[in-house]
Amino acid sequence: MRTTLYVGGFAVDTPTAELRDLFDRYGEVEEVRMIRRASKDGRGFAYVTFASHAAAEAALVLDGRELGGLALRVDFAR
């Protein structure tokens, strides 16, 4: 069962802790991996890994939710 979500569409300066806090509401988050450029600037997407498939599935409700004025895209990672 998949436990990792792709999360995109947020501002490139969004702190990792802000994403973790948002997704923690749906279950235990094991890792938030922010994807960055070589310059260390964010790219506006991340992978969030949960301890369980059920928690990851519950967090799918965040798809389309606004964060910092931008709509999130949330789906199971491929």
PDB file of N, CA and C in Angstrom:
ATOM      1  N   MET A   1       0.836  -1.184   0.000  1.00  0.00           N
ATOM      2  CA  MET A   1       0.000   0.000   0.000  1.00  0.00           C
ATOM      3  C   MET A   1       0.879   1.245   0.000  1.00  0.00           C
ATOM      4  N   ARG A   2       0.491   2.207  -0.785  1.00  0.00           N
ATOM      5  CA  ARG A   2       1.286   3.430  -0.914  1.00  0.00           C
ATOM      6  C   ARG A   2       1.076   4.353   0.284  1.00  0.00           C
ATOM      7  N   THR A   3       2.159   4.979   0.708  1.00  0.00           N
ATOM      8  CA  THR A   3       2.107   5.887   1.854  1.00  0.00           C
ATOM      9  C   THR A   3       2.705   7.253   1.541  1.00  0.00           C
ATOM     10  N   THR A   4       3.168   7.456   0.315  1.00  0.00           N
ATOM     11  CA  THR A   4       3.808   8.721  -0.046  1.00  0.00           C
ATOM     12  C   THR A   4       2.921   9.514  -0.997  1.00  0.00           C
ATOM     13  N   LEU A   5       2.751  10.797  -0.669  1.00  0.00           N
ATOM     14  CA  LEU A   5       1.961  11.700  -1.488  1.00  0.00           C
ATOM     15  C   LEU A   5       2.860  12.706  -2.190  1.00  0.00           C
ATOM     16  N   TYR A   6       2.489  13.037  -3.416  1.00  0.00           N
ATOM     17  CA  TYR A   6       3.076  14.173  -4.124  1.00  0.00           C
ATOM     18  C   TYR A   6       2.259  15.390  -3.710  1.00  0.00           C
ATOM     19  N   VAL A   7       2.930  16.476  -3.358  1.00  0.00           N
ATOM     20  CA  VAL A   7       2.263  17.724  -2.998  1.00  0.00           C
ATOM     21  C   VAL A   7       2.904  18.831  -3.822  1.00  0.00           C
ATOM     22  N   GLY A   8       2.119  19.513  -4.616  1.00  0.00           N
ATOM     23  CA  GLY A   8       2.649  20.578  -5.453  1.00  0.00           C
ATOM     24  C   GLY A   8       1.769  21.809  -5.412  1.00  0.00           C
ATOM     25  N   GLY A   9       2.281  22.872  -6.016  1.00  0.00           N
ATOM     26  CA  GLY A   9       1.503  24.087  -6.164  1.00  0.00           C
ATOM     27  C   GLY A   9       1.664  25.101  -5.052  1.00  0.00           C
ATOM     28  N   PHE A  10       2.520  24.835  -4.075  1.00  0.00           N
ATOM     29  CA  PHE A  10       2.709  25.802  -2.989  1.00  0.00           C
ATOM     30  C   PHE A  10       3.863  26.748  -3.324  1.00  0.00           C
ATOM     31  N   ALA A  11       3.935  27.854  -2.594  1.00  0.00           N
ATOM     32  CA  ALA A  11       4.978  28.853  -2.826  1.00  0.00           C
ATOM     33  C   ALA A  11       6.358  28.255  -2.574  1.00  0.00           C
ATOM     34  N   VAL A  12       7.326  28.679  -3.362  1.00  0.00           N
ATOM     35  CA  VAL A  12       8.678  28.117  -3.268  1.00  0.00           C
ATOM     36  C   VAL A  12       9.347  28.421  -1.932  1.00  0.00           C
ATOM     37  N   ASP A  13       8.855  29.426  -1.208  1.00  0.00           N
ATOM     38  CA  ASP A  13       9.446  29.764   0.092  1.00  0.00           C
ATOM     39  C   ASP A  13       8.666  29.186   1.277  1.00  0.00           C
ATOM     40  N   THR A  14       7.772  28.243   1.012  1.00  0.00           N
ATOM     41  CA  THR A  14       7.008  27.598   2.084  1.00  0.00           C
ATOM     42  C   THR A  14       7.948  26.772   2.953  1.00  0.00           C
ATOM     43  N   PRO A  15       7.921  26.991   4.271  1.00  0.00           N
ATOM     44  CA  PRO A  15       8.790  26.205   5.157  1.00  0.00           C
ATOM     45  C   PRO A  15       8.340  24.744   5.256  1.00  0.00           C
ATOM     46  N   THR A  16       9.297  23.861   5.393  1.00  0.00           N
ATOM     47  CA  THR A  16       9.001  22.437   5.568  1.00  0.00           C
ATOM     48  C   THR A  16       8.071  22.229   6.756  1.00  0.00           C
ATOM     49  N   ALA A  17       8.305  22.943   7.841  1.00  0.00           N
ATOM     50  CA  ALA A  17       7.489  22.797   9.055  1.00  0.00           C
ATOM     51  C   ALA A  17       6.024  23.133   8.793  1.00  0.00           C
ATOM     52  N   GLU A  18       5.753  24.088   7.918  1.00  0.00           N
ATOM     53  CA  GLU A  18       4.368  24.447   7.605  1.00  0.00           C
ATOM     54  C   GLU A  18       3.656  23.295   6.899  1.00  0.00           C
ATOM     55  N   LEU A  19       4.338  22.650   5.972  1.00  0.00           N
ATOM     56  CA  LEU A  19       3.745  21.485   5.301  1.00  0.00           C
ATOM     57  C   LEU A  19       3.535  20.343   6.287  1.00  0.00           C
ATOM     58  N   ARG A  20       4.536  20.087   7.123  1.00  0.00           N
ATOM     59  CA  ARG A  20       4.426  19.010   8.104  1.00  0.00           C
ATOM     60  C   ARG A  20       3.228  19.252   9.024  1.00  0.00           C
ATOM     61  N   ASP A  21       3.077  20.480   9.516  1.00  0.00           N
ATOM     62  CA  ASP A  21       1.962  20.808  10.404  1.00  0.00           C
ATOM     63  C   ASP A  21       0.622  20.576   9.719  1.00  0.00           C
ATOM     64  N   LEU A  22       0.524  20.935   8.456  1.00  0.00           N
ATOM     65  CA  LEU A  22      -0.713  20.754   7.703  1.00  0.00           C
ATOM     66  C   LEU A  22      -1.058  19.273   7.551  1.00  0.00           C
ATOM     67  N   PHE A  23      -0.082  18.457   7.201  1.00  0.00           N
ATOM     68  CA  PHE A  23      -0.332  17.042   6.935  1.00  0.00           C
ATOM     69  C   PHE A  23      -0.400  16.198   8.205  1.00  0.00           C
ATOM     70  N   ASP A  24       0.215  16.659   9.282  1.00  0.00           N
ATOM     71  CA  ASP A  24       0.164  15.941  10.570  1.00  0.00           C
ATOM     72  C   ASP A  24      -1.259  15.761  11.083  1.00  0.00           C
ATOM     73  N   ARG A  25      -2.168  16.594  10.649  1.00  0.00           N
ATOM     74  CA  ARG A  25      -3.566  16.509  11.090  1.00  0.00           C
ATOM     75  C   ARG A  25      -4.242  15.218  10.632  1.00  0.00           C
ATOM     76  N   TYR A  26      -3.659  14.556   9.647  1.00  0.00           N
ATOM     77  CA  TYR A  26      -4.287  13.381   9.041  1.00  0.00           C
ATOM     78  C   TYR A  26      -3.622  12.074   9.434  1.00  0.00           C
ATOM     79  N   GLY A  27      -2.558  12.153  10.207  1.00  0.00           N
ATOM     80  CA  GLY A  27      -1.860  10.953  10.656  1.00  0.00           C
ATOM     81  C   GLY A  27      -0.382  11.225  10.828  1.00  0.00           C
ATOM     82  N   GLU A  28       0.337  10.214  11.280  1.00  0.00           N
ATOM     83  CA  GLU A  28       1.767  10.368  11.560  1.00  0.00           C
ATOM     84  C   GLU A  28       2.565  10.546  10.270  1.00  0.00           C
ATOM     85  N   VAL A  29       3.247  11.676  10.175  1.00  0.00           N
ATOM     86  CA  VAL A  29       4.106  11.972   9.029  1.00  0.00           C
ATOM     87  C   VAL A  29       5.514  11.502   9.359  1.00  0.00           C
ATOM     88  N   GLU A  30       6.055  10.632   8.527  1.00  0.00           N
ATOM     89  CA  GLU A  30       7.419  10.139   8.730  1.00  0.00           C
ATOM     90  C   GLU A  30       8.457  11.061   8.109  1.00  0.00           C
ATOM     91  N   GLU A  31       8.120  11.661   6.959  1.00  0.00           N
ATOM     92  CA  GLU A  31       9.102  12.497   6.257  1.00  0.00           C
ATOM     93  C   GLU A  31       8.397  13.489   5.343  1.00  0.00           C
ATOM     94  N   VAL A  32       8.941  14.697   5.291  1.00  0.00           N
ATOM     95  CA  VAL A  32       8.554  15.694   4.291  1.00  0.00           C
ATOM     96  C   VAL A  32       9.823  16.017   3.516  1.00  0.00           C
ATOM     97  N   ARG A  33       9.829  15.644   2.254  1.00  0.00           N
ATOM     98  CA  ARG A  33      11.023  15.867   1.421  1.00  0.00           C
ATOM     99  C   ARG A  33      10.721  16.974   0.409  1.00  0.00           C
ATOM    100  N   MET A  34      11.227  18.168   0.713  1.00  0.00           N
ATOM    101  CA  MET A  34      11.055  19.319  -0.173  1.00  0.00           C
ATOM    102  C   MET A  34      12.046  19.181  -1.329  1.00  0.00           C
ATOM    103  N   ILE A  35      11.575  19.370  -2.531  1.00  0.00           N
ATOM    104  CA  ILE A  35      12.443  19.283  -3.701  1.00  0.00           C
ATOM    105  C   ILE A  35      13.002  20.677  -3.980  1.00  0.00           C
ATOM    106  N   ARG A  36      14.317  20.744  -4.082  1.00  0.00           N
ATOM    107  CA  ARG A  36      15.001  22.036  -4.233  1.00  0.00           C
ATOM    108  C   ARG A  36      15.902  22.037  -5.466  1.00  0.00           C
ATOM    109  N   ARG A  37      16.165  23.228  -5.932  1.00  0.00           N
ATOM    110  CA  ARG A  37      17.134  23.425  -7.015  1.00  0.00           C
ATOM    111  C   ARG A  37      18.544  23.304  -6.438  1.00  0.00           C
ATOM    112  N   ALA A  38      19.539  23.249  -7.293  1.00  0.00           N
ATOM    113  CA  ALA A  38      20.934  23.194  -6.846  1.00  0.00           C
ATOM    114  C   ALA A  38      21.291  24.414  -6.004  1.00  0.00           C
ATOM    115  N   SER A  39      20.592  25.526  -6.246  1.00  0.00           N
ATOM    116  CA  SER A  39      20.837  26.765  -5.497  1.00  0.00           C
ATOM    117  C   SER A  39      20.188  26.733  -4.113  1.00  0.00           C
ATOM    118  N   LYS A  40      19.519  25.631  -3.793  1.00  0.00           N
ATOM    119  CA  LYS A  40      18.803  25.430  -2.524  1.00  0.00           C
ATOM    120  C   LYS A  40      17.445  26.122  -2.483  1.00  0.00           C
ATOM    121  N   ASP A  41      17.056  26.812  -3.556  1.00  0.00           N
ATOM    122  CA  ASP A  41      15.730  27.409  -3.631  1.00  0.00           C
ATOM    123  C   ASP A  41      14.699  26.304  -3.825  1.00  0.00           C
ATOM    124  N   GLY A  42      13.530  26.483  -3.230  1.00  0.00           N
ATOM    125  CA  GLY A  42      12.460  25.507  -3.384  1.00  0.00           C
ATOM    126  C   GLY A  42      11.930  25.484  -4.805  1.00  0.00           C
ATOM    127  N   ARG A  43      11.282  24.374  -5.148  1.00  0.00           N
ATOM    128  CA  ARG A  43      10.687  24.241  -6.482  1.00  0.00           C
ATOM    129  C   ARG A  43       9.168  24.208  -6.419  1.00  0.00           C
ATOM    130  N   GLY A  44       8.599  24.311  -5.206  1.00  0.00           N
ATOM    131  CA  GLY A  44       7.148  24.351  -5.074  1.00  0.00           C
ATOM    132  C   GLY A  44       6.490  22.993  -5.062  1.00  0.00           C
ATOM    133  N   PHE A  45       7.281  21.927  -4.825  1.00  0.00           N
ATOM    134  CA  PHE A  45       6.663  20.619  -4.630  1.00  0.00           C
ATOM    135  C   PHE A  45       7.476  19.788  -3.659  1.00  0.00           C
ATOM    136  N   ALA A  46       6.807  18.777  -3.114  1.00  0.00           N
ATOM    137  CA  ALA A  46       7.421  17.942  -2.076  1.00  0.00           C
ATOM    138  C   ALA A  46       6.779  16.564  -2.098  1.00  0.00           C
ATOM    139  N   TYR A  47       7.394  15.655  -1.363  1.00  0.00           N
ATOM    140  CA  TYR A  47       6.834  14.329  -1.129  1.00  0.00           C
ATOM    141  C   TYR A  47       6.643  14.175   0.372  1.00  0.00           C
ATOM    142  N   VAL A  48       5.438  13.783   0.758  1.00  0.00           N
ATOM    143  CA  VAL A  48       5.103  13.593   2.170  1.00  0.00           C
ATOM    144  C   VAL A  48       4.839  12.108   2.385  1.00  0.00           C
ATOM    145  N   THR A  49       5.600  11.490   3.283  1.00  0.00           N
ATOM    146  CA  THR A  49       5.456  10.066   3.571  1.00  0.00           C
ATOM    147  C   THR A  49       4.807   9.891   4.935  1.00  0.00           C
ATOM    148  N   PHE A  50       3.738   9.113   4.961  1.00  0.00           N
ATOM    149  CA  PHE A  50       2.996   8.814   6.183  1.00  0.00           C
ATOM    150  C   PHE A  50       3.374   7.442   6.714  1.00  0.00           C
ATOM    151  N   ALA A  51       3.066   7.201   7.981  1.00  0.00           N
ATOM    152  CA  ALA A  51       3.322   5.908   8.606  1.00  0.00           C
ATOM    153  C   ALA A  51       2.343   4.849   8.107  1.00  0.00           C
ATOM    154  N   SER A  52       1.186   5.275   7.577  1.00  0.00           N
ATOM    155  CA  SER A  52       0.192   4.296   7.123  1.00  0.00           C
ATOM    156  C   SER A  52      -0.490   4.763   5.838  1.00  0.00           C
ATOM    157  N   HIS A  53      -1.007   3.800   5.103  1.00  0.00           N
ATOM    158  CA  HIS A  53      -1.759   4.101   3.886  1.00  0.00           C
ATOM    159  C   HIS A  53      -3.035   4.866   4.233  1.00  0.00           C
ATOM    160  N   ALA A  54      -3.680   4.496   5.331  1.00  0.00           N
ATOM    161  CA  ALA A  54      -4.931   5.148   5.731  1.00  0.00           C
ATOM    162  C   ALA A  54      -4.723   6.642   5.977  1.00  0.00           C
ATOM    163  N   ALA A  55      -3.615   6.999   6.611  1.00  0.00           N
ATOM    164  CA  ALA A  55      -3.323   8.412   6.872  1.00  0.00           C
ATOM    165  C   ALA A  55      -3.076   9.154   5.563  1.00  0.00           C
ATOM    166  N   ALA A  56      -2.318   8.542   4.665  1.00  0.00           N
ATOM    167  CA  ALA A  56      -2.048   9.165   3.367  1.00  0.00           C
ATOM    168  C   ALA A  56      -3.351   9.367   2.599  1.00  0.00           C
ATOM    169  N   GLU A  57      -4.199   8.370   2.620  1.00  0.00           N
ATOM    170  CA  GLU A  57      -5.480   8.460   1.920  1.00  0.00           C
ATOM    171  C   GLU A  57      -6.352   9.564   2.514  1.00  0.00           C
ATOM    172  N   ALA A  58      -6.345   9.691   3.839  1.00  0.00           N
ATOM    173  CA  ALA A  58      -7.128  10.734   4.505  1.00  0.00           C
ATOM    174  C   ALA A  58      -6.653  12.128   4.097  1.00  0.00           C
ATOM    175  N   ALA A  59      -5.348  12.287   3.892  1.00  0.00           N
ATOM    176  CA  ALA A  59      -4.774  13.591   3.550  1.00  0.00           C
ATOM    177  C   ALA A  59      -5.088  14.019   2.119  1.00  0.00           C
ATOM    178  N   LEU A  60      -5.613  13.128   1.301  1.00  0.00           N
ATOM    179  CA  LEU A  60      -5.972  13.491  -0.071  1.00  0.00           C
ATOM    180  C   LEU A  60      -7.035  14.582  -0.110  1.00  0.00           C
ATOM    181  N   VAL A  61      -7.753  14.789   1.002  1.00  0.00           N
ATOM    182  CA  VAL A  61      -8.766  15.848   1.047  1.00  0.00           C
ATOM    183  C   VAL A  61      -8.137  17.232   0.885  1.00  0.00           C
ATOM    184  N   LEU A  62      -6.818  17.329   1.050  1.00  0.00           N
ATOM    185  CA  LEU A  62      -6.130  18.613   0.900  1.00  0.00           C
ATOM    186  C   LEU A  62      -5.944  19.018  -0.561  1.00  0.00           C
ATOM    187  N   ASP A  63      -6.246  18.126  -1.498  1.00  0.00           N
ATOM    188  CA  ASP A  63      -6.134  18.465  -2.918  1.00  0.00           C
ATOM    189  C   ASP A  63      -7.070  19.638  -3.219  1.00  0.00           C
ATOM    190  N   GLY A  64      -6.507  20.718  -3.747  1.00  0.00           N
ATOM    191  CA  GLY A  64      -7.294  21.900  -4.072  1.00  0.00           C
ATOM    192  C   GLY A  64      -7.370  22.926  -2.954  1.00  0.00           C
ATOM    193  N   ARG A  65      -6.941  22.563  -1.758  1.00  0.00           N
ATOM    194  CA  ARG A  65      -6.969  23.501  -0.628  1.00  0.00           C
ATOM    195  C   ARG A  65      -5.922  24.589  -0.843  1.00  0.00           C
ATOM    196  N   GLU A  66      -6.250  25.804  -0.416  1.00  0.00           N
ATOM    197  CA  GLU A  66      -5.308  26.912  -0.563  1.00  0.00           C
ATOM    198  C   GLU A  66      -4.291  26.924   0.564  1.00  0.00           C
ATOM    199  N   LEU A  67      -3.059  27.193   0.188  1.00  0.00           N
ATOM    200  CA  LEU A  67      -1.972  27.393   1.140  1.00  0.00           C
ATOM    201  C   LEU A  67      -1.189  28.598   0.641  1.00  0.00           C
ATOM    202  N   GLY A  68      -1.210  29.676   1.400  1.00  0.00           N
ATOM    203  CA  GLY A  68      -0.520  30.893   0.973  1.00  0.00           C
ATOM    204  C   GLY A  68      -1.103  31.490  -0.294  1.00  0.00           C
ATOM    205  N   GLY A  69      -2.406  31.314  -0.499  1.00  0.00           N
ATOM    206  CA  GLY A  69      -3.069  31.874  -1.670  1.00  0.00           C
ATOM    207  C   GLY A  69      -2.957  31.040  -2.933  1.00  0.00           C
ATOM    208  N   LEU A  70      -2.317  29.879  -2.844  1.00  0.00           N
ATOM    209  CA  LEU A  70      -2.158  28.989  -3.999  1.00  0.00           C
ATOM    210  C   LEU A  70      -2.849  27.659  -3.720  1.00  0.00           C
ATOM    211  N   ALA A  71      -3.430  27.063  -4.754  1.00  0.00           N
ATOM    212  CA  ALA A  71      -4.133  25.788  -4.599  1.00  0.00           C
ATOM    213  C   ALA A  71      -3.147  24.626  -4.631  1.00  0.00           C
ATOM    214  N   LEU A  72      -3.221  23.784  -3.616  1.00  0.00           N
ATOM    215  CA  LEU A  72      -2.363  22.599  -3.553  1.00  0.00           C
ATOM    216  C   LEU A  72      -2.839  21.524  -4.516  1.00  0.00           C
ATOM    217  N   ARG A  73      -1.899  20.763  -5.025  1.00  0.00           N
ATOM    218  CA  ARG A  73      -2.191  19.540  -5.778  1.00  0.00           C
ATOM    219  C   ARG A  73      -1.657  18.396  -4.925  1.00  0.00           C
ATOM    220  N   VAL A  74      -2.539  17.495  -4.546  1.00  0.00           N
ATOM    221  CA  VAL A  74      -2.158  16.380  -3.674  1.00  0.00           C
ATOM    222  C   VAL A  74      -2.653  15.087  -4.302  1.00  0.00           C
ATOM    223  N   ASP A  75      -1.735  14.133  -4.474  1.00  0.00           N
ATOM    224  CA  ASP A  75      -2.089  12.829  -5.037  1.00  0.00           C
ATOM    225  C   ASP A  75      -1.027  11.825  -4.598  1.00  0.00           C
ATOM    226  N   PHE A  76      -1.346  10.555  -4.729  1.00  0.00           N
ATOM    227  CA  PHE A  76      -0.334   9.545  -4.425  1.00  0.00           C
ATOM    228  C   PHE A  76       0.845   9.713  -5.376  1.00  0.00           C
ATOM    229  N   ALA A  77       2.053   9.623  -4.826  1.00  0.00           N
ATOM    230  CA  ALA A  77       3.267   9.738  -5.637  1.00  0.00           C
ATOM    231  C   ALA A  77       3.358   8.558  -6.589  1.00  0.00           C
ATOM    232  N   ARG A  78       3.937   8.797  -7.749  1.00  0.00           N
ATOM    233  CA  ARG A  78       4.098   7.721  -8.738  1.00  0.00           C
ATOM    234  C   ARG A  78       5.497   7.219  -8.753  1.00  0.00           C
TER     235      ARG A  78
END
